[in-house]
Protein backbone atom coordinates (compact mmCIF):
# COMPACT_ATOMS: atom_id res chain seq x y z
CA MET A 1 130.04 -68.41 -168.78
CA GLN A 2 131.12 -71.72 -167.25
CA LEU A 3 127.48 -72.79 -166.90
CA TYR A 4 126.77 -72.21 -170.60
CA ARG A 5 129.94 -74.04 -171.63
CA LEU A 6 128.92 -77.08 -169.57
CA VAL A 7 125.43 -77.14 -171.07
CA GLY A 8 126.94 -76.80 -174.55
CA CYS A 9 129.28 -79.74 -173.95
CA VAL A 10 126.37 -81.86 -172.70
CA LEU A 11 124.30 -81.12 -175.81
CA LEU A 12 127.26 -81.69 -178.12
CA PHE A 13 127.90 -85.09 -176.54
CA PHE A 14 124.20 -85.92 -176.91
CA VAL A 15 124.13 -85.02 -180.62
CA ALA A 16 127.27 -87.04 -181.33
CA THR A 17 125.92 -90.22 -179.70
CA GLN A 18 123.85 -92.87 -181.44
CA ALA A 19 120.64 -93.86 -179.70
CA VAL A 20 118.01 -96.60 -179.65
CA ALA A 21 114.46 -96.82 -178.37
CA ALA A 22 113.38 -94.75 -175.38
CA ASP A 23 110.99 -96.05 -172.69
CA LEU A 24 108.26 -93.41 -172.25
CA SER A 25 106.69 -95.15 -169.23
CA GLN A 26 109.59 -94.44 -166.86
CA PRO A 27 109.15 -91.94 -163.99
CA LEU A 28 110.52 -88.41 -164.21
CA PRO A 29 114.20 -88.37 -163.10
CA VAL A 30 113.76 -85.77 -160.34
CA ARG A 31 114.63 -85.66 -156.64
CA ASN A 32 114.95 -83.40 -153.62
CA PHE A 33 117.44 -80.55 -154.16
CA TYR A 34 117.25 -78.97 -150.70
CA PRO A 35 120.96 -78.74 -149.74
CA PRO A 36 120.81 -80.17 -146.17
CA MET A 37 118.79 -83.14 -147.47
CA MET A 38 121.30 -83.68 -150.27
CA ARG A 39 123.84 -84.65 -147.59
CA PHE A 40 121.94 -87.97 -147.42
CA PHE A 41 120.53 -90.43 -149.93
CA ASP A 42 117.34 -89.44 -151.73
CA PRO A 43 116.08 -91.95 -154.33
CA THR A 44 115.25 -91.02 -157.89
CA PRO A 45 112.10 -93.02 -158.81
CA ASP A 46 112.62 -96.11 -160.96
CA SER A 47 110.57 -98.59 -163.00
CA ALA A 48 110.22 -102.37 -162.79
CA LEU A 49 109.23 -102.50 -166.47
CA ARG A 50 112.31 -100.95 -168.04
CA VAL A 51 114.03 -103.55 -170.24
CA TYR A 52 117.24 -105.10 -168.90
CA ASP A 53 119.25 -104.23 -171.99
CA PRO A 54 122.95 -105.23 -172.22
CA SER A 55 123.62 -101.96 -174.07
CA TRP A 56 125.08 -99.10 -172.08
CA THR A 57 122.45 -96.52 -171.17
CA PHE A 58 123.33 -92.88 -170.48
CA GLU A 59 121.37 -89.98 -169.04
CA VAL A 60 122.15 -86.32 -168.45
CA ASN A 61 119.56 -84.70 -166.19
CA GLN A 62 119.82 -80.97 -165.51
CA SER A 63 117.82 -78.96 -162.99
CA LEU A 64 117.67 -75.38 -161.75
CA SER A 65 116.19 -74.90 -158.27
CA SER A 66 115.32 -71.89 -156.16
CA ILE A 67 115.95 -72.31 -152.41
CA SER A 68 115.21 -69.99 -149.50
CA ILE A 69 115.03 -71.28 -145.92
CA MET A 70 115.79 -69.50 -142.63
CA ASP A 71 115.43 -71.59 -139.47
CA ARG A 72 114.62 -69.79 -136.21
CA TYR A 73 114.46 -66.25 -137.52
CA PRO A 74 115.52 -63.59 -136.35
CA ASN A 75 118.63 -65.49 -135.21
CA PRO A 76 118.77 -68.29 -137.80
CA GLN A 77 121.09 -71.18 -137.09
CA LEU A 78 120.42 -72.57 -140.57
CA LEU A 79 120.38 -70.38 -143.67
CA ALA A 80 120.02 -71.56 -147.26
CA ASP A 81 119.43 -68.86 -149.88
CA MET A 82 120.52 -69.66 -153.42
CA GLU A 83 119.71 -71.01 -156.81
CA LEU A 84 121.19 -74.42 -157.46
CA TYR A 85 122.11 -75.89 -160.85
CA VAL A 86 122.63 -79.66 -160.82
CA VAL A 87 123.84 -81.95 -163.60
CA ASP A 88 123.24 -85.64 -162.88
CA GLY A 89 125.25 -87.94 -165.11
CA VAL A 90 123.79 -91.47 -165.08
CA ILE A 91 125.30 -94.69 -166.47
CA ARG A 92 123.34 -97.96 -166.54
CA HIS A 93 124.32 -101.44 -167.66
CA ALA A 94 122.39 -104.71 -167.40
CA LEU A 95 124.53 -107.69 -166.39
CA SER A 96 121.73 -110.17 -167.12
CA ASP A 97 118.03 -110.39 -167.93
CA HIS A 98 117.29 -109.69 -164.24
CA LEU A 99 120.10 -107.49 -162.90
CA GLU A 100 121.03 -103.90 -163.77
CA LEU A 101 123.66 -101.65 -162.18
CA THR A 102 123.57 -97.85 -162.13
CA MET A 103 126.07 -95.11 -161.26
CA ARG A 104 124.89 -91.54 -160.68
CA ILE A 105 127.51 -88.75 -160.66
CA PRO A 106 126.11 -85.32 -159.72
CA VAL A 107 127.88 -82.00 -160.29
CA LEU A 108 126.53 -78.99 -158.37
CA ARG A 109 126.72 -75.25 -158.90
CA PRO A 110 125.15 -73.16 -156.13
CA PHE A 111 125.06 -69.46 -157.02
CA ASN A 112 123.35 -66.12 -156.28
CA GLY A 113 120.52 -66.66 -158.71
CA VAL A 114 118.47 -64.29 -160.86
CA PHE A 115 114.84 -65.15 -160.04
CA ASP A 116 114.22 -63.87 -156.50
CA GLY A 117 112.35 -60.75 -157.67
CA ALA A 118 110.18 -62.77 -160.05
CA ILE A 119 109.37 -65.37 -157.37
CA LYS A 120 108.40 -62.69 -154.86
CA GLY A 121 106.15 -61.02 -157.45
CA PHE A 122 104.52 -64.35 -158.33
CA HIS A 123 103.86 -65.13 -154.65
CA ASP A 124 102.43 -61.64 -154.10
CA MET A 125 100.11 -62.07 -157.09
CA LEU A 126 98.76 -65.35 -155.67
CA GLY A 127 98.77 -64.19 -152.06
CA ILE A 128 101.30 -66.87 -151.03
CA ALA A 129 103.68 -66.18 -148.15
CA VAL A 130 107.33 -65.76 -149.16
CA GLY A 131 108.74 -66.35 -145.66
CA GLY A 132 112.35 -65.36 -145.17
CA ARG A 133 112.76 -64.10 -148.74
CA ARG A 134 111.71 -60.63 -147.59
CA MET A 135 114.50 -60.60 -144.99
CA ARG A 136 117.25 -61.15 -147.56
CA PRO A 137 118.37 -59.03 -150.52
CA ASN A 138 117.36 -60.33 -153.95
CA ASN A 139 119.73 -62.67 -155.76
CA SER A 140 122.19 -63.15 -152.91
CA PHE A 141 123.92 -66.37 -151.82
CA ALA A 142 124.11 -67.94 -148.38
CA TYR A 143 124.43 -71.51 -147.13
CA ALA A 144 125.54 -71.96 -143.54
CA LEU A 145 124.77 -73.85 -140.34
CA ASP A 146 126.07 -73.18 -136.86
CA ASN A 147 124.08 -74.90 -134.13
CA GLY A 148 126.28 -73.53 -131.34
CA ARG A 149 127.22 -77.04 -130.23
CA GLY A 150 130.02 -77.83 -132.62
CA THR A 151 128.25 -78.79 -135.86
CA ALA A 152 128.75 -76.23 -138.61
CA TRP A 153 129.26 -75.83 -142.33
CA GLN A 154 129.83 -72.91 -144.65
CA GLY A 155 128.89 -73.22 -148.32
CA ARG A 156 130.43 -71.38 -151.24
CA SER A 157 129.22 -70.23 -154.62
CA GLN A 158 131.38 -72.59 -156.69
CA TRP A 159 131.30 -75.84 -158.67
CA GLU A 160 131.04 -78.92 -156.44
CA LEU A 161 131.14 -82.68 -156.89
CA GLY A 162 128.04 -84.18 -155.32
CA ASN A 163 127.62 -87.55 -153.60
CA ILE A 164 128.08 -90.41 -156.06
CA GLU A 165 125.43 -93.14 -155.89
CA LEU A 166 125.79 -96.81 -156.83
CA SER A 167 122.59 -98.82 -157.16
CA GLY A 168 121.18 -102.07 -158.46
CA ARG A 169 117.79 -103.25 -159.73
CA TYR A 170 116.83 -106.94 -159.66
CA SER A 171 113.66 -108.23 -161.34
CA LEU A 172 111.40 -110.38 -159.15
CA ILE A 173 108.34 -110.52 -161.43
CA ALA A 174 108.33 -109.60 -165.11
CA GLY A 175 104.92 -109.79 -166.76
CA ASP A 176 103.83 -108.22 -170.02
CA ASP A 177 102.06 -105.31 -168.32
CA TRP A 178 103.27 -105.38 -164.74
CA GLY A 179 106.37 -106.18 -162.78
CA MET A 180 108.16 -105.95 -159.46
CA ALA A 181 111.83 -105.32 -158.75
CA THR A 182 113.98 -105.00 -155.66
CA LEU A 183 116.33 -102.02 -155.37
CA ALA A 184 119.53 -101.44 -153.42
CA ALA A 185 121.81 -98.42 -153.26
CA VAL A 186 124.80 -96.93 -151.49
CA LYS A 187 125.52 -93.22 -151.33
CA LEU A 188 129.24 -92.43 -151.21
CA PRO A 189 130.35 -89.30 -149.29
CA THR A 190 132.22 -87.75 -152.21
CA ALA A 191 130.85 -84.22 -151.72
CA SER A 192 132.30 -81.66 -149.33
CA ARG A 193 131.31 -82.08 -145.70
CA ALA A 194 132.80 -78.73 -144.65
CA ARG A 195 130.65 -76.90 -147.22
CA GLY A 196 127.47 -78.74 -146.27
CA TRP A 197 126.98 -81.13 -149.20
CA SER A 198 127.87 -84.45 -147.52
CA SER A 199 127.36 -86.13 -144.17
CA GLY A 200 130.89 -87.51 -144.40
CA SER A 201 129.61 -91.11 -144.17
CA PRO A 202 127.92 -93.55 -146.59
CA ASP A 203 124.20 -94.31 -146.60
CA LEU A 204 122.78 -97.78 -147.32
CA ALA A 205 119.32 -98.23 -148.85
CA LEU A 206 116.96 -101.09 -149.75
CA GLY A 207 113.75 -100.67 -151.71
CA ALA A 208 111.22 -102.15 -154.07
CA VAL A 209 109.14 -100.87 -156.99
CA LEU A 210 105.88 -102.18 -158.41
CA SER A 211 104.97 -101.05 -161.95
CA TRP A 212 102.05 -101.78 -164.23
CA ARG A 213 100.42 -100.65 -167.47
CA LEU A 214 96.73 -100.56 -168.41
CA GLY A 215 96.33 -99.52 -172.03
CA SER A 216 97.89 -96.06 -172.33
CA TRP A 217 98.01 -95.59 -168.53
CA PHE A 218 100.97 -96.60 -166.36
CA THR A 219 101.85 -96.32 -162.67
CA HIS A 220 104.83 -96.94 -160.38
CA THR A 221 104.78 -97.35 -156.60
CA GLU A 222 108.13 -97.36 -154.83
CA GLY A 223 109.35 -97.56 -151.22
CA TRP A 224 112.75 -97.37 -149.52
CA VAL A 225 114.33 -97.96 -146.11
CA ILE A 226 117.51 -95.88 -145.77
CA GLU A 227 120.20 -96.28 -143.13
CA PRO A 228 122.67 -93.40 -142.69
CA LEU A 229 125.89 -94.70 -141.18
CA LEU A 230 126.42 -91.30 -139.56
CA LYS A 231 124.47 -91.43 -136.30
CA HIS A 232 125.59 -88.37 -134.35
CA GLU A 233 127.21 -84.97 -134.66
CA PRO A 234 127.45 -82.46 -131.80
CA GLY A 235 123.89 -81.34 -131.10
CA ILE A 236 122.29 -83.37 -133.93
CA SER A 237 121.43 -87.06 -134.18
CA TYR A 238 120.38 -89.08 -137.21
CA SER A 239 118.22 -92.16 -137.67
CA THR A 240 116.84 -94.61 -140.23
CA TYR A 241 114.23 -93.00 -142.50
CA LEU A 242 111.70 -94.02 -145.16
CA ARG A 243 111.15 -92.59 -148.62
CA GLY A 244 108.62 -93.40 -151.30
CA SER A 245 107.00 -92.24 -154.51
CA PHE A 246 103.83 -92.72 -156.52
CA ILE A 247 103.72 -92.00 -160.24
CA VAL A 248 100.85 -92.01 -162.70
CA GLY A 249 101.20 -91.29 -166.40
CA TYR A 250 99.41 -91.42 -169.74
CA ARG A 251 101.24 -92.33 -172.93
CA PHE A 252 100.52 -90.94 -176.37
CA ASP A 253 102.39 -92.07 -179.51
CA THR A 254 105.73 -90.36 -178.81
CA LEU A 255 104.89 -88.46 -175.63
CA ALA A 256 103.87 -89.23 -172.05
CA LEU A 257 102.32 -86.90 -169.47
CA ILE A 258 103.48 -87.79 -165.93
CA VAL A 259 102.49 -86.66 -162.45
CA GLN A 260 104.43 -87.93 -159.45
CA ALA A 261 104.66 -87.39 -155.71
CA GLN A 262 107.72 -88.28 -153.66
CA GLY A 263 108.56 -87.81 -150.02
CA GLY A 264 108.85 -89.54 -146.68
CA GLY A 265 110.79 -89.09 -143.47
CA SER A 266 113.84 -87.02 -142.59
CA PRO A 267 117.19 -88.43 -141.43
CA TYR A 268 117.51 -85.54 -138.94
CA ASN A 269 116.46 -85.74 -135.31
CA ALA A 270 117.28 -82.07 -134.98
CA ALA A 271 115.64 -80.65 -131.88
CA ASN A 272 117.74 -77.50 -132.06
CA VAL A 273 117.30 -77.00 -135.83
CA SER A 274 113.61 -77.74 -135.99
CA ASP A 275 112.93 -77.47 -139.72
CA LEU A 276 115.35 -80.25 -140.64
CA GLY A 277 113.25 -82.81 -138.81
CA LEU A 278 110.19 -82.13 -141.00
CA SER A 279 109.15 -84.59 -143.71
CA PRO A 280 109.85 -83.51 -147.30
CA LEU A 281 107.18 -83.84 -149.98
CA LEU A 282 107.50 -82.92 -153.66
CA VAL A 283 105.01 -82.98 -156.53
CA SER A 284 106.26 -83.03 -160.13
CA VAL A 285 104.44 -82.60 -163.42
CA GLY A 286 106.27 -83.25 -166.64
CA LEU A 287 106.60 -84.75 -170.08
CA ARG A 288 108.68 -87.65 -171.31
CA GLY A 289 109.18 -87.72 -175.06
CA GLN A 290 111.02 -89.31 -177.93
CA MET A 291 113.14 -87.42 -180.45
CA ALA A 292 114.55 -88.33 -183.85
CA GLY A 293 116.69 -91.41 -183.52
CA ALA A 294 114.49 -92.57 -180.60
CA THR A 295 116.46 -90.60 -178.03
CA GLY A 296 114.47 -89.84 -174.88
CA TRP A 297 113.94 -86.49 -173.18
CA THR A 298 112.14 -85.20 -170.10
CA LEU A 299 110.88 -81.77 -169.09
CA SER A 300 109.57 -81.26 -165.54
CA VAL A 301 108.37 -78.68 -163.05
CA ILE A 302 108.91 -79.69 -159.40
CA GLU A 303 107.12 -77.90 -156.56
CA ASN A 304 107.29 -78.39 -152.80
CA VAL A 305 104.24 -79.11 -150.68
CA THR A 306 105.52 -78.78 -147.10
CA GLN A 307 107.39 -75.46 -147.69
CA LYS A 308 110.22 -76.97 -145.62
CA THR A 309 113.10 -79.40 -146.29
CA THR A 310 112.59 -79.11 -150.06
CA GLN A 311 113.52 -76.64 -152.76
CA ASP A 312 110.92 -73.94 -153.47
CA ILE A 313 110.61 -74.86 -157.15
CA SER A 314 112.73 -76.60 -159.80
CA LEU A 315 112.77 -76.77 -163.57
CA ALA A 316 114.40 -79.89 -164.98
CA PHE A 317 115.43 -81.13 -168.42
CA GLY A 318 116.91 -84.54 -169.19
CA LEU A 319 118.26 -86.57 -172.11
CA SER A 320 118.72 -90.33 -172.33
CA TRP A 321 120.18 -92.66 -174.96
CA MET A 322 121.87 -96.04 -175.45
CA ARG A 323 124.96 -97.36 -177.17
């Protein structure tokens, strides 16, 4: 019941808030929801063409992900088996015609889930391997790591505060149909380290995004260098990693169809937990639209490509507006 109450409050707040024009050429607001990767910074793709508006901009992005990973079966040191509901609250404010600041506040709810049987049936129908899902009962929860060298966490099925992100966007080039902006971000370790949602240290990130429009078509290309300040835990080391995304979309009158790929390197140099060192890669397909009052919305399906270090599949819905 708590989940439905939260969604109801989000929608009530949305209805009660005045809105102005929505930018349909922005990327889909999705990211990696694989729990061990969520301990570190993962960028949500941005646009260099979004107007630097002095009004306050708000977003509420909700996602439901299915996750099932067992590392080194039959004696897994890492186990993640859950469905994960995430609400990302986003606040943006432009300080000038060239500088915008953003705060992202995620709230997490890992839980048993209800879709394991359906996912297994879908994979069987398509002849796709389901991996460790067959070794676990349907709709059960587990999130734990014990590498035998002193690094461990034990997750719980409960509401969690995620890692708060502070970021900035600074315009370098602002043309009518193309632009470039530099990006900077810091991830704060506000989530629980003991339950596996935070590294316990900040991450620093620098990036850039190039955006352009050609008639109804638009694209965004983005790259990041990310420095985790945590460098070592017993049996696991961490290093600088790269992330990037490429987005292409087509805009209709009040609707845009968007396809995007995002991925890159892993922060883990995890010789004894091999899967965590693999590079994540996600592909998303979705719609960005405009409702009455010019309030924006997004609807997305996110699928993994590597079958490791990413969620199996996510469904996401977002709302955005200004005051």
